[in-house]
Amino acid sequence: MTAELDPELLALEGETLTVLAPGGLVVVVEALDDDTYAYPKTANLKRGQSIVLTEPVLRASVNRKGTSWLLDSELDQRDKYGHVRFSLDGWPENEPVMVPGSPEALYQADQERALA
């Protein structure tokens, strides 16, 4: 028997989750609790990638206490992890696309300096 989802969590079905975490985010897309030896299906999303939230994703996000990390606000995420890991409102205006100091960001800065 499957437990009923929190109505606030269920309301997120169909929303798009955008990954902001510098190292990406692993999202369980289907929990396989029928077989003790089965592994859940996961999606390894990189920074900037997105996924549409479906009921299986919502169910898989619920921990044993019945709460979901998908309901964490940006402030909650900063308190827990030190940075915002995901957004449900698209890419935030104040969030740089590239991680400052990353090889990609340094390469882009070099290219911009060369053009200047």
C-alpha atoms as a PDB file:
ATOM      1  CA  MET A   1       0.000   0.000   0.000  1.00  0.00           C
ATOM      2  CA  THR A   2       1.384   3.389  -0.947  1.00  0.00           C
ATOM      3  CA  ALA A   3       1.141   6.302   1.444  1.00  0.00           C
ATOM      4  CA  GLU A   4      -0.702   9.434   0.440  1.00  0.00           C
ATOM      5  CA  LEU A   5       1.537  12.304  -0.595  1.00  0.00           C
ATOM      6  CA  ASP A   6       1.469  15.643   1.190  1.00  0.00           C
ATOM      7  CA  PRO A   7      -0.903  17.900  -0.828  1.00  0.00           C
ATOM      8  CA  GLU A   8       1.780  20.612  -0.967  1.00  0.00           C
ATOM      9  CA  LEU A   9       4.215  18.111  -2.491  1.00  0.00           C
ATOM     10  CA  LEU A  10       1.602  16.666  -4.852  1.00  0.00           C
ATOM     11  CA  ALA A  11       0.926  20.209  -6.116  1.00  0.00           C
ATOM     12  CA  LEU A  12       4.489  20.217  -7.537  1.00  0.00           C
ATOM     13  CA  GLU A  13       3.629  17.530 -10.112  1.00  0.00           C
ATOM     14  CA  GLY A  14       4.361  18.903 -13.592  1.00  0.00           C
ATOM     15  CA  GLU A  15       6.702  21.630 -12.289  1.00  0.00           C
ATOM     16  CA  THR A  16      10.233  21.834 -13.695  1.00  0.00           C
ATOM     17  CA  LEU A  17      13.171  21.411 -11.321  1.00  0.00           C
ATOM     18  CA  THR A  18      16.361  23.181 -12.478  1.00  0.00           C
ATOM     19  CA  VAL A  19      19.674  22.059 -10.979  1.00  0.00           C
ATOM     20  CA  LEU A  20      21.815  24.857  -9.523  1.00  0.00           C
ATOM     21  CA  ALA A  21      24.225  22.762  -7.431  1.00  0.00           C
ATOM     22  CA  PRO A  22      27.819  23.163  -8.647  1.00  0.00           C
ATOM     23  CA  GLY A  23      28.394  19.401  -8.638  1.00  0.00           C
ATOM     24  CA  GLY A  24      24.990  18.529 -10.027  1.00  0.00           C
ATOM     25  CA  LEU A  25      22.224  16.582  -8.335  1.00  0.00           C
ATOM     26  CA  VAL A  26      21.180  12.940  -8.307  1.00  0.00           C
ATOM     27  CA  VAL A  27      17.404  12.612  -8.515  1.00  0.00           C
ATOM     28  CA  VAL A  28      15.614   9.322  -7.954  1.00  0.00           C
ATOM     29  CA  VAL A  29      13.151   9.076 -10.820  1.00  0.00           C
ATOM     30  CA  GLU A  30      11.592   5.791  -9.757  1.00  0.00           C
ATOM     31  CA  ALA A  31      11.875   3.993  -6.428  1.00  0.00           C
ATOM     32  CA  LEU A  32      11.772   0.238  -6.799  1.00  0.00           C
ATOM     33  CA  ASP A  33      10.569  -0.967  -3.424  1.00  0.00           C
ATOM     34  CA  ASP A  34       8.984  -4.198  -4.741  1.00  0.00           C
ATOM     35  CA  ASP A  35      12.298  -6.060  -4.826  1.00  0.00           C
ATOM     36  CA  THR A  36      14.689  -5.877  -1.874  1.00  0.00           C
ATOM     37  CA  TYR A  37      17.701  -6.215  -4.163  1.00  0.00           C
ATOM     38  CA  ALA A  38      16.633  -3.743  -6.830  1.00  0.00           C
ATOM     39  CA  TYR A  39      18.309  -0.378  -7.155  1.00  0.00           C
ATOM     40  CA  PRO A  40      16.227   2.741  -7.716  1.00  0.00           C
ATOM     41  CA  LYS A  41      16.449   4.394 -11.117  1.00  0.00           C
ATOM     42  CA  THR A  42      18.291   7.686 -10.854  1.00  0.00           C
ATOM     43  CA  ALA A  43      19.093  10.660 -13.049  1.00  0.00           C
ATOM     44  CA  ASN A  44      22.507  12.311 -12.609  1.00  0.00           C
ATOM     45  CA  LEU A  45      21.679  15.890 -13.537  1.00  0.00           C
ATOM     46  CA  LYS A  46      24.400  18.458 -14.154  1.00  0.00           C
ATOM     47  CA  ARG A  47      24.191  22.129 -13.238  1.00  0.00           C
ATOM     48  CA  GLY A  48      21.743  23.813 -15.614  1.00  0.00           C
ATOM     49  CA  GLN A  49      19.837  20.645 -16.513  1.00  0.00           C
ATOM     50  CA  SER A  50      16.192  20.265 -15.586  1.00  0.00           C
ATOM     51  CA  ILE A  51      13.608  17.566 -15.037  1.00  0.00           C
ATOM     52  CA  VAL A  52       9.820  17.624 -14.937  1.00  0.00           C
ATOM     53  CA  LEU A  53       8.521  16.427 -11.584  1.00  0.00           C
ATOM     54  CA  THR A  54       6.311  13.361 -11.921  1.00  0.00           C
ATOM     55  CA  GLU A  55       4.484  11.408  -9.238  1.00  0.00           C
ATOM     56  CA  PRO A  56       7.246   8.736  -9.045  1.00  0.00           C
ATOM     57  CA  VAL A  57       9.875  11.481  -8.586  1.00  0.00           C
ATOM     58  CA  LEU A  58       7.750  13.108  -5.879  1.00  0.00           C
ATOM     59  CA  ARG A  59       7.224   9.774  -4.085  1.00  0.00           C
ATOM     60  CA  ALA A  60      10.932   8.941  -4.266  1.00  0.00           C
ATOM     61  CA  SER A  61      11.846  12.308  -2.700  1.00  0.00           C
ATOM     62  CA  VAL A  62      10.006  11.511   0.549  1.00  0.00           C
ATOM     63  CA  ASN A  63      12.242  10.307   3.377  1.00  0.00           C
ATOM     64  CA  ARG A  64      11.284   7.874   6.136  1.00  0.00           C
ATOM     65  CA  LYS A  65       9.964  10.766   8.240  1.00  0.00           C
ATOM     66  CA  GLY A  66       7.506  11.651   5.483  1.00  0.00           C
ATOM     67  CA  THR A  67       9.165  14.907   4.395  1.00  0.00           C
ATOM     68  CA  SER A  68      10.561  15.801   0.986  1.00  0.00           C
ATOM     69  CA  TRP A  69      13.637  17.839   0.116  1.00  0.00           C
ATOM     70  CA  LEU A  70      11.637  19.259  -2.799  1.00  0.00           C
ATOM     71  CA  LEU A  71       9.729  21.445  -0.333  1.00  0.00           C
ATOM     72  CA  ASP A  72      12.933  23.160   0.890  1.00  0.00           C
ATOM     73  CA  SER A  73      12.936  26.884   0.128  1.00  0.00           C
ATOM     74  CA  GLU A  74      16.092  28.577  -1.174  1.00  0.00           C
ATOM     75  CA  LEU A  75      16.775  29.772   2.389  1.00  0.00           C
ATOM     76  CA  ASP A  76      16.329  26.212   3.741  1.00  0.00           C
ATOM     77  CA  GLN A  77      18.741  24.926   1.097  1.00  0.00           C
ATOM     78  CA  ARG A  78      21.354  27.566   1.985  1.00  0.00           C
ATOM     79  CA  ASP A  79      21.018  26.644   5.679  1.00  0.00           C
ATOM     80  CA  LYS A  80      21.318  22.885   5.026  1.00  0.00           C
ATOM     81  CA  TYR A  81      23.894  22.760   2.226  1.00  0.00           C
ATOM     82  CA  GLY A  82      25.556  26.175   2.086  1.00  0.00           C
ATOM     83  CA  HIS A  83      24.177  26.887  -1.403  1.00  0.00           C
ATOM     84  CA  VAL A  84      20.983  26.592  -3.420  1.00  0.00           C
ATOM     85  CA  ARG A  85      20.853  23.130  -5.014  1.00  0.00           C
ATOM     86  CA  PHE A  86      17.731  23.498  -7.146  1.00  0.00           C
ATOM     87  CA  SER A  87      15.021  25.899  -8.221  1.00  0.00           C
ATOM     88  CA  LEU A  88      11.426  25.317  -9.219  1.00  0.00           C
ATOM     89  CA  ASP A  89      11.117  28.829 -10.661  1.00  0.00           C
ATOM     90  CA  GLY A  90      13.677  28.552 -13.454  1.00  0.00           C
ATOM     91  CA  TRP A  91      17.157  30.014 -13.342  1.00  0.00           C
ATOM     92  CA  PRO A  92      17.436  32.792 -10.696  1.00  0.00           C
ATOM     93  CA  GLU A  93      18.531  36.176 -12.072  1.00  0.00           C
ATOM     94  CA  ASN A  94      21.292  36.577  -9.473  1.00  0.00           C
ATOM     95  CA  GLU A  95      22.758  33.065  -9.985  1.00  0.00           C
ATOM     96  CA  PRO A  96      25.739  32.864 -12.373  1.00  0.00           C
ATOM     97  CA  VAL A  97      25.364  30.190 -15.047  1.00  0.00           C
ATOM     98  CA  MET A  98      28.918  28.957 -14.597  1.00  0.00           C
ATOM     99  CA  VAL A  99      30.469  28.119 -11.268  1.00  0.00           C
ATOM    100  CA  PRO A 100      32.992  30.867 -10.451  1.00  0.00           C
ATOM    101  CA  GLY A 101      36.532  29.447 -10.559  1.00  0.00           C
ATOM    102  CA  SER A 102      35.522  26.371 -12.562  1.00  0.00           C
ATOM    103  CA  PRO A 103      37.595  25.451 -15.637  1.00  0.00           C
ATOM    104  CA  GLU A 104      34.683  26.493 -17.871  1.00  0.00           C
ATOM    105  CA  ALA A 105      34.373  29.913 -16.195  1.00  0.00           C
ATOM    106  CA  LEU A 106      38.143  30.502 -16.371  1.00  0.00           C
ATOM    107  CA  TYR A 107      38.187  29.541 -20.063  1.00  0.00           C
ATOM    108  CA  GLN A 108      35.296  31.898 -20.802  1.00  0.00           C
ATOM    109  CA  ALA A 109      37.052  34.725 -18.940  1.00  0.00           C
ATOM    110  CA  ASP A 110      40.222  34.081 -20.991  1.00  0.00           C
ATOM    111  CA  GLN A 111      38.217  34.193 -24.226  1.00  0.00           C
ATOM    112  CA  GLU A 112      36.553  37.485 -23.196  1.00  0.00           C
ATOM    113  CA  ARG A 113      39.937  39.015 -22.285  1.00  0.00           C
ATOM    114  CA  ALA A 114      41.365  37.963 -25.653  1.00  0.00           C
ATOM    115  CA  LEU A 115      38.494  39.698 -27.458  1.00  0.00           C
ATOM    116  CA  ALA A 116      38.862  42.909 -25.419  1.00  0.00           C
END
